[in-house]
PDB file of N, CA and C in Angstrom:
ATOM      1  N   UNK A   1     -10.421  15.903  15.377  1.00  0.00           N
ATOM      2  CA  UNK A   1     -10.082  14.506  15.330  1.00  0.00           C
ATOM      3  C   UNK A   1      -8.563  14.381  15.284  1.00  0.00           C
ATOM      4  N   UNK A   2      -8.038  13.482  16.056  1.00  0.00           N
ATOM      5  CA  UNK A   2      -6.594  13.277  16.078  1.00  0.00           C
ATOM      6  C   UNK A   2      -6.218  12.124  15.162  1.00  0.00           C
ATOM      7  N   UNK A   3      -4.960  12.069  14.784  1.00  0.00           N
ATOM      8  CA  UNK A   3      -4.493  10.967  13.946  1.00  0.00           C
ATOM      9  C   UNK A   3      -4.457   9.663  14.733  1.00  0.00           C
ATOM     10  N   UNK A   4      -4.464   9.733  16.037  1.00  0.00           N
ATOM     11  CA  UNK A   4      -4.465   8.552  16.889  1.00  0.00           C
ATOM     12  C   UNK A   4      -5.725   7.710  16.666  1.00  0.00           C
ATOM     13  N   UNK A   5      -6.835   8.351  16.305  1.00  0.00           N
ATOM     14  CA  UNK A   5      -8.091   7.629  16.109  1.00  0.00           C
ATOM     15  C   UNK A   5      -8.044   6.720  14.891  1.00  0.00           C
ATOM     16  N   UNK A   6      -7.164   6.979  13.944  1.00  0.00           N
ATOM     17  CA  UNK A   6      -7.122   6.202  12.718  1.00  0.00           C
ATOM     18  C   UNK A   6      -5.926   5.263  12.628  1.00  0.00           C
ATOM     19  N   UNK A   7      -5.231   5.018  13.727  1.00  0.00           N
ATOM     20  CA  UNK A   7      -4.097   4.102  13.681  1.00  0.00           C
ATOM     21  C   UNK A   7      -4.595   2.666  13.559  1.00  0.00           C
ATOM     22  N   UNK A   8      -3.841   1.844  12.838  1.00  0.00           N
ATOM     23  CA  UNK A   8      -4.212   0.449  12.650  1.00  0.00           C
ATOM     24  C   UNK A   8      -3.994  -0.345  13.927  1.00  0.00           C
ATOM     25  N   UNK A   9      -4.878  -1.266  14.234  1.00  0.00           N
ATOM     26  CA  UNK A   9      -4.651  -2.155  15.375  1.00  0.00           C
ATOM     27  C   UNK A   9      -3.494  -3.103  15.074  1.00  0.00           C
ATOM     28  N   UNK A  10      -2.888  -3.675  16.092  1.00  0.00           N
ATOM     29  CA  UNK A  10      -1.739  -4.545  15.894  1.00  0.00           C
ATOM     30  C   UNK A  10      -2.128  -5.939  15.417  1.00  0.00           C
ATOM     31  N   UNK A  11      -3.148  -6.524  15.995  1.00  0.00           N
ATOM     32  CA  UNK A  11      -3.587  -7.872  15.627  1.00  0.00           C
ATOM     33  C   UNK A  11      -4.833  -7.764  14.761  1.00  0.00           C
ATOM     34  N   UNK A  12      -4.639  -7.836  13.462  1.00  0.00           N
ATOM     35  CA  UNK A  12      -5.754  -7.682  12.536  1.00  0.00           C
ATOM     36  C   UNK A  12      -6.161  -9.056  12.027  1.00  0.00           C
ATOM     37  N   UNK A  13      -7.417  -9.378  12.151  1.00  0.00           N
ATOM     38  CA  UNK A  13      -7.955 -10.633  11.633  1.00  0.00           C
ATOM     39  C   UNK A  13      -8.567 -10.361  10.261  1.00  0.00           C
ATOM     40  N   UNK A  14      -7.706 -10.369   9.238  1.00  0.00           N
ATOM     41  CA  UNK A  14      -8.150 -10.068   7.880  1.00  0.00           C
ATOM     42  C   UNK A  14      -9.074 -11.156   7.367  1.00  0.00           C
ATOM     43  N   UNK A  15     -10.076 -10.748   6.600  1.00  0.00           N
ATOM     44  CA  UNK A  15     -10.970 -11.689   5.941  1.00  0.00           C
ATOM     45  C   UNK A  15     -10.771 -11.537   4.438  1.00  0.00           C
ATOM     46  N   UNK A  16     -10.461 -12.633   3.766  1.00  0.00           N
ATOM     47  CA  UNK A  16     -10.241 -12.572   2.322  1.00  0.00           C
ATOM     48  C   UNK A  16     -11.590 -12.430   1.618  1.00  0.00           C
ATOM     49  N   UNK A  17     -11.706 -11.417   0.775  1.00  0.00           N
ATOM     50  CA  UNK A  17     -12.943 -11.179   0.042  1.00  0.00           C
ATOM     51  C   UNK A  17     -12.908 -11.786  -1.356  1.00  0.00           C
ATOM     52  N   UNK A  18     -11.778 -11.621  -2.051  1.00  0.00           N
ATOM     53  CA  UNK A  18     -11.667 -12.114  -3.420  1.00  0.00           C
ATOM     54  C   UNK A  18     -10.200 -12.313  -3.767  1.00  0.00           C
ATOM     55  N   UNK A  19      -9.945 -13.187  -4.757  1.00  0.00           N
ATOM     56  CA  UNK A  19      -8.573 -13.401  -5.221  1.00  0.00           C
ATOM     57  C   UNK A  19      -8.607 -13.884  -6.662  1.00  0.00           C
ATOM     58  N   UNK A  20      -7.517 -13.653  -7.362  1.00  0.00           N
ATOM     59  CA  UNK A  20      -7.389 -14.152  -8.732  1.00  0.00           C
ATOM     60  C   UNK A  20      -6.715 -15.515  -8.688  1.00  0.00           C
ATOM     61  N   UNK A  21      -7.049 -16.359  -9.639  1.00  0.00           N
ATOM     62  CA  UNK A  21      -6.546 -17.738  -9.648  1.00  0.00           C
ATOM     63  C   UNK A  21      -5.353 -17.923 -10.585  1.00  0.00           C
ATOM     64  N   UNK A  22      -4.801 -16.838 -11.108  1.00  0.00           N
ATOM     65  CA  UNK A  22      -3.739 -16.946 -12.112  1.00  0.00           C
ATOM     66  C   UNK A  22      -2.503 -17.679 -11.630  1.00  0.00           C
ATOM     67  N   UNK A  23      -2.105 -17.507 -10.379  1.00  0.00           N
ATOM     68  CA  UNK A  23      -0.841 -18.087  -9.913  1.00  0.00           C
ATOM     69  C   UNK A  23      -1.045 -19.207  -8.892  1.00  0.00           C
ATOM     70  N   UNK A  24      -2.217 -19.785  -8.829  1.00  0.00           N
ATOM     71  CA  UNK A  24      -2.445 -20.896  -7.910  1.00  0.00           C
ATOM     72  C   UNK A  24      -1.766 -22.147  -8.457  1.00  0.00           C
ATOM     73  N   UNK A  25      -1.016 -22.830  -7.614  1.00  0.00           N
ATOM     74  CA  UNK A  25      -0.279 -24.032  -8.013  1.00  0.00           C
ATOM     75  C   UNK A  25      -1.211 -25.243  -7.911  1.00  0.00           C
ATOM     76  N   UNK A  26      -1.599 -25.791  -9.063  1.00  0.00           N
ATOM     77  CA  UNK A  26      -2.470 -26.969  -9.093  1.00  0.00           C
ATOM     78  C   UNK A  26      -1.684 -28.269  -9.173  1.00  0.00           C
ATOM     79  N   UNK A  27      -0.403 -28.194  -9.512  1.00  0.00           N
ATOM     80  CA  UNK A  27       0.465 -29.371  -9.627  1.00  0.00           C
ATOM     81  C   UNK A  27       1.461 -29.355  -8.479  1.00  0.00           C
ATOM     82  N   UNK A  28       1.023 -29.762  -7.317  1.00  0.00           N
ATOM     83  CA  UNK A  28       1.867 -29.717  -6.134  1.00  0.00           C
ATOM     84  C   UNK A  28       3.065 -30.648  -6.282  1.00  0.00           C
ATOM     85  N   UNK A  29       4.206 -30.189  -5.837  1.00  0.00           N
ATOM     86  CA  UNK A  29       5.401 -31.019  -5.842  1.00  0.00           C
ATOM     87  C   UNK A  29       6.334 -30.768  -7.002  1.00  0.00           C
ATOM     88  N   UNK A  30       5.847 -30.214  -8.117  1.00  0.00           N
ATOM     89  CA  UNK A  30       6.778 -29.926  -9.206  1.00  0.00           C
ATOM     90  C   UNK A  30       7.435 -28.572  -8.954  1.00  0.00           C
ATOM     91  N   UNK A  31       8.550 -28.339  -9.590  1.00  0.00           N
ATOM     92  CA  UNK A  31       9.292 -27.106  -9.348  1.00  0.00           C
ATOM     93  C   UNK A  31       9.126 -26.105 -10.479  1.00  0.00           C
ATOM     94  N   UNK A  32       8.081 -26.240 -11.285  1.00  0.00           N
ATOM     95  CA  UNK A  32       7.836 -25.306 -12.379  1.00  0.00           C
ATOM     96  C   UNK A  32       7.396 -23.953 -11.833  1.00  0.00           C
ATOM     97  N   UNK A  33       7.886 -22.909 -12.489  1.00  0.00           N
ATOM     98  CA  UNK A  33       7.461 -21.562 -12.134  1.00  0.00           C
ATOM     99  C   UNK A  33       6.212 -21.201 -12.927  1.00  0.00           C
ATOM    100  N   UNK A  34       5.410 -20.252 -12.446  1.00  0.00           N
ATOM    101  CA  UNK A  34       4.256 -19.817 -13.230  1.00  0.00           C
ATOM    102  C   UNK A  34       4.716 -19.142 -14.520  1.00  0.00           C
ATOM    103  N   UNK A  35       3.853 -19.071 -15.531  1.00  0.00           N
ATOM    104  CA  UNK A  35       4.237 -18.404 -16.786  1.00  0.00           C
ATOM    105  C   UNK A  35       4.635 -16.950 -16.546  1.00  0.00           C
ATOM    106  N   UNK A  36       5.500 -16.431 -17.436  1.00  0.00           N
ATOM    107  CA  UNK A  36       5.956 -15.043 -17.291  1.00  0.00           C
ATOM    108  C   UNK A  36       4.789 -14.073 -17.368  1.00  0.00           C
ATOM    109  N   UNK A  37       4.938 -12.997 -16.636  1.00  0.00           N
ATOM    110  CA  UNK A  37       3.996 -11.870 -16.608  1.00  0.00           C
ATOM    111  C   UNK A  37       2.610 -12.270 -16.139  1.00  0.00           C
ATOM    112  N   UNK A  38       2.542 -13.292 -15.337  1.00  0.00           N
ATOM    113  CA  UNK A  38       1.265 -13.686 -14.744  1.00  0.00           C
ATOM    114  C   UNK A  38       1.076 -12.863 -13.477  1.00  0.00           C
ATOM    115  N   UNK A  39      -0.085 -12.315 -13.280  1.00  0.00           N
ATOM    116  CA  UNK A  39      -0.322 -11.451 -12.123  1.00  0.00           C
ATOM    117  C   UNK A  39      -1.274 -12.126 -11.142  1.00  0.00           C
ATOM    118  N   UNK A  40      -1.265 -11.619  -9.929  1.00  0.00           N
ATOM    119  CA  UNK A  40      -2.137 -12.140  -8.888  1.00  0.00           C
ATOM    120  C   UNK A  40      -2.575 -10.985  -7.996  1.00  0.00           C
ATOM    121  N   UNK A  41      -3.845 -10.975  -7.641  1.00  0.00           N
ATOM    122  CA  UNK A  41      -4.378  -9.943  -6.745  1.00  0.00           C
ATOM    123  C   UNK A  41      -5.300 -10.585  -5.720  1.00  0.00           C
ATOM    124  N   UNK A  42      -5.259 -10.055  -4.501  1.00  0.00           N
ATOM    125  CA  UNK A  42      -6.147 -10.508  -3.439  1.00  0.00           C
ATOM    126  C   UNK A  42      -6.629  -9.289  -2.672  1.00  0.00           C
ATOM    127  N   UNK A  43      -7.910  -9.310  -2.292  1.00  0.00           N
ATOM    128  CA  UNK A  43      -8.501  -8.209  -1.529  1.00  0.00           C
ATOM    129  C   UNK A  43      -8.946  -8.751  -0.174  1.00  0.00           C
ATOM    130  N   UNK A  44      -8.520  -8.059   0.889  1.00  0.00           N
ATOM    131  CA  UNK A  44      -8.881  -8.422   2.255  1.00  0.00           C
ATOM    132  C   UNK A  44      -9.613  -7.244   2.908  1.00  0.00           C
ATOM    133  N   UNK A  45     -10.388  -7.556   3.935  1.00  0.00           N
ATOM    134  CA  UNK A  45     -11.040  -6.480   4.695  1.00  0.00           C
ATOM    135  C   UNK A  45     -10.974  -6.801   6.185  1.00  0.00           C
ATOM    136  N   UNK A  46     -11.101  -5.757   6.967  1.00  0.00           N
ATOM    137  CA  UNK A  46     -11.185  -5.881   8.420  1.00  0.00           C
ATOM    138  C   UNK A  46     -12.191  -4.850   8.910  1.00  0.00           C
ATOM    139  N   UNK A  47     -13.270  -5.320   9.499  1.00  0.00           N
ATOM    140  CA  UNK A  47     -14.287  -4.428  10.049  1.00  0.00           C
ATOM    141  C   UNK A  47     -13.962  -4.225  11.524  1.00  0.00           C
ATOM    142  N   UNK A  48     -13.716  -2.981  11.904  1.00  0.00           N
ATOM    143  CA  UNK A  48     -13.398  -2.661  13.296  1.00  0.00           C
ATOM    144  C   UNK A  48     -14.648  -2.895  14.136  1.00  0.00           C
ATOM    145  N   UNK A  49     -14.538  -3.618  15.259  1.00  0.00           N
ATOM    146  CA  UNK A  49     -15.705  -3.870  16.100  1.00  0.00           C
ATOM    147  C   UNK A  49     -16.389  -2.569  16.519  1.00  0.00           C
ATOM    148  N   UNK A  50     -17.711  -2.596  16.486  1.00  0.00           N
ATOM    149  CA  UNK A  50     -18.498  -1.402  16.767  1.00  0.00           C
ATOM    150  C   UNK A  50     -18.221  -0.835  18.163  1.00  0.00           C
ATOM    151  N   UNK A  51     -17.959  -1.682  19.133  1.00  0.00           N
ATOM    152  CA  UNK A  51     -17.719  -1.189  20.495  1.00  0.00           C
ATOM    153  C   UNK A  51     -16.427  -0.369  20.594  1.00  0.00           C
ATOM    154  N   UNK A  52     -15.488  -0.570  19.667  1.00  0.00           N
ATOM    155  CA  UNK A  52     -14.250   0.204  19.675  1.00  0.00           C
ATOM    156  C   UNK A  52     -14.410   1.582  19.041  1.00  0.00           C
ATOM    157  N   UNK A  53     -15.452   1.766  18.243  1.00  0.00           N
ATOM    158  CA  UNK A  53     -15.621   3.036  17.527  1.00  0.00           C
ATOM    159  C   UNK A  53     -16.938   3.733  17.828  1.00  0.00           C
ATOM    160  N   UNK A  54     -17.749   3.181  18.720  1.00  0.00           N
ATOM    161  CA  UNK A  54     -19.081   3.735  18.979  1.00  0.00           C
ATOM    162  C   UNK A  54     -19.028   5.167  19.503  1.00  0.00           C
ATOM    163  N   UNK A  55     -18.030   5.481  20.315  1.00  0.00           N
ATOM    164  CA  UNK A  55     -17.937   6.824  20.879  1.00  0.00           C
ATOM    165  C   UNK A  55     -17.485   7.848  19.839  1.00  0.00           C
ATOM    166  N   UNK A  56     -16.491   7.512  19.048  1.00  0.00           N
ATOM    167  CA  UNK A  56     -15.949   8.437  18.056  1.00  0.00           C
ATOM    168  C   UNK A  56     -16.809   8.523  16.795  1.00  0.00           C
ATOM    169  N   UNK A  57     -17.406   7.405  16.391  1.00  0.00           N
ATOM    170  CA  UNK A  57     -18.204   7.352  15.165  1.00  0.00           C
ATOM    171  C   UNK A  57     -19.553   6.687  15.458  1.00  0.00           C
ATOM    172  N   UNK A  58     -20.463   7.398  16.131  1.00  0.00           N
ATOM    173  CA  UNK A  58     -21.727   6.770  16.539  1.00  0.00           C
ATOM    174  C   UNK A  58     -22.617   6.353  15.367  1.00  0.00           C
ATOM    175  N   UNK A  59     -22.498   7.021  14.235  1.00  0.00           N
ATOM    176  CA  UNK A  59     -23.362   6.715  13.090  1.00  0.00           C
ATOM    177  C   UNK A  59     -22.600   6.098  11.924  1.00  0.00           C
ATOM    178  N   UNK A  60     -21.444   5.509  12.193  1.00  0.00           N
ATOM    179  CA  UNK A  60     -20.645   4.960  11.106  1.00  0.00           C
ATOM    180  C   UNK A  60     -19.831   3.757  11.539  1.00  0.00           C
ATOM    181  N   UNK A  61     -19.182   3.144  10.574  1.00  0.00           N
ATOM    182  CA  UNK A  61     -18.296   2.003  10.813  1.00  0.00           C
ATOM    183  C   UNK A  61     -16.964   2.266  10.123  1.00  0.00           C
ATOM    184  N   UNK A  62     -15.894   1.687  10.639  1.00  0.00           N
ATOM    185  CA  UNK A  62     -14.586   1.769  10.012  1.00  0.00           C
ATOM    186  C   UNK A  62     -14.262   0.389   9.450  1.00  0.00           C
ATOM    187  N   UNK A  63     -13.900   0.376   8.166  1.00  0.00           N
ATOM    188  CA  UNK A  63     -13.507  -0.857   7.497  1.00  0.00           C
ATOM    189  C   UNK A  63     -12.158  -0.603   6.837  1.00  0.00           C
ATOM    190  N   UNK A  64     -11.153  -1.414   7.195  1.00  0.00           N
ATOM    191  CA  UNK A  64      -9.842  -1.330   6.558  1.00  0.00           C
ATOM    192  C   UNK A  64      -9.831  -2.295   5.381  1.00  0.00           C
ATOM    193  N   UNK A  65      -9.245  -1.869   4.280  1.00  0.00           N
ATOM    194  CA  UNK A  65      -9.119  -2.713   3.097  1.00  0.00           C
ATOM    195  C   UNK A  65      -7.629  -2.900   2.798  1.00  0.00           C
ATOM    196  N   UNK A  66      -7.267  -4.087   2.331  1.00  0.00           N
ATOM    197  CA  UNK A  66      -5.889  -4.380   1.954  1.00  0.00           C
ATOM    198  C   UNK A  66      -5.898  -5.062   0.593  1.00  0.00           C
ATOM    199  N   UNK A  67      -5.086  -4.563  -0.304  1.00  0.00           N
ATOM    200  CA  UNK A  67      -4.958  -5.135  -1.642  1.00  0.00           C
ATOM    201  C   UNK A  67      -3.526  -5.624  -1.810  1.00  0.00           C
ATOM    202  N   UNK A  68      -3.370  -6.894  -2.140  1.00  0.00           N
ATOM    203  CA  UNK A  68      -2.062  -7.497  -2.352  1.00  0.00           C
ATOM    204  C   UNK A  68      -1.929  -7.837  -3.825  1.00  0.00           C
ATOM    205  N   UNK A  69      -0.856  -7.357  -4.462  1.00  0.00           N
ATOM    206  CA  UNK A  69      -0.617  -7.601  -5.891  1.00  0.00           C
ATOM    207  C   UNK A  69       0.775  -8.175  -6.087  1.00  0.00           C
ATOM    208  N   UNK A  70       0.901  -9.081  -7.052  1.00  0.00           N
ATOM    209  CA  UNK A  70       2.212  -9.606  -7.407  1.00  0.00           C
ATOM    210  C   UNK A  70       2.240  -9.950  -8.886  1.00  0.00           C
ATOM    211  N   UNK A  71       3.442  -9.908  -9.467  1.00  0.00           N
ATOM    212  CA  UNK A  71       3.655 -10.220 -10.879  1.00  0.00           C
ATOM    213  C   UNK A  71       4.887 -11.102 -10.981  1.00  0.00           C
ATOM    214  N   UNK A  72       4.816 -12.157 -11.780  1.00  0.00           N
ATOM    215  CA  UNK A  72       6.009 -12.984 -12.017  1.00  0.00           C
ATOM    216  C   UNK A  72       6.654 -12.562 -13.327  1.00  0.00           C
ATOM    217  N   UNK A  73       7.951 -12.744 -13.406  1.00  0.00           N
ATOM    218  CA  UNK A  73       8.672 -12.455 -14.665  1.00  0.00           C
ATOM    219  C   UNK A  73       9.899 -13.302 -14.786  1.00  0.00           C
TER     220      UNK A  73
END
């Protein structure tokens, strides 16, 4: 297997699976910052279309996962 088979595609249509609500702005328009040390995480996935991997992985699927984390201070 070559490393070329596992390169990320350029145009990824990420699907958001879950996110934390700690830093969501519910008071639109004010300039207040979120409280200190508040964290935020989001998990995304991208399932590679089966027709792109059927030859290399006939009995499997490739799913890319992305985790985004941030902390305010």
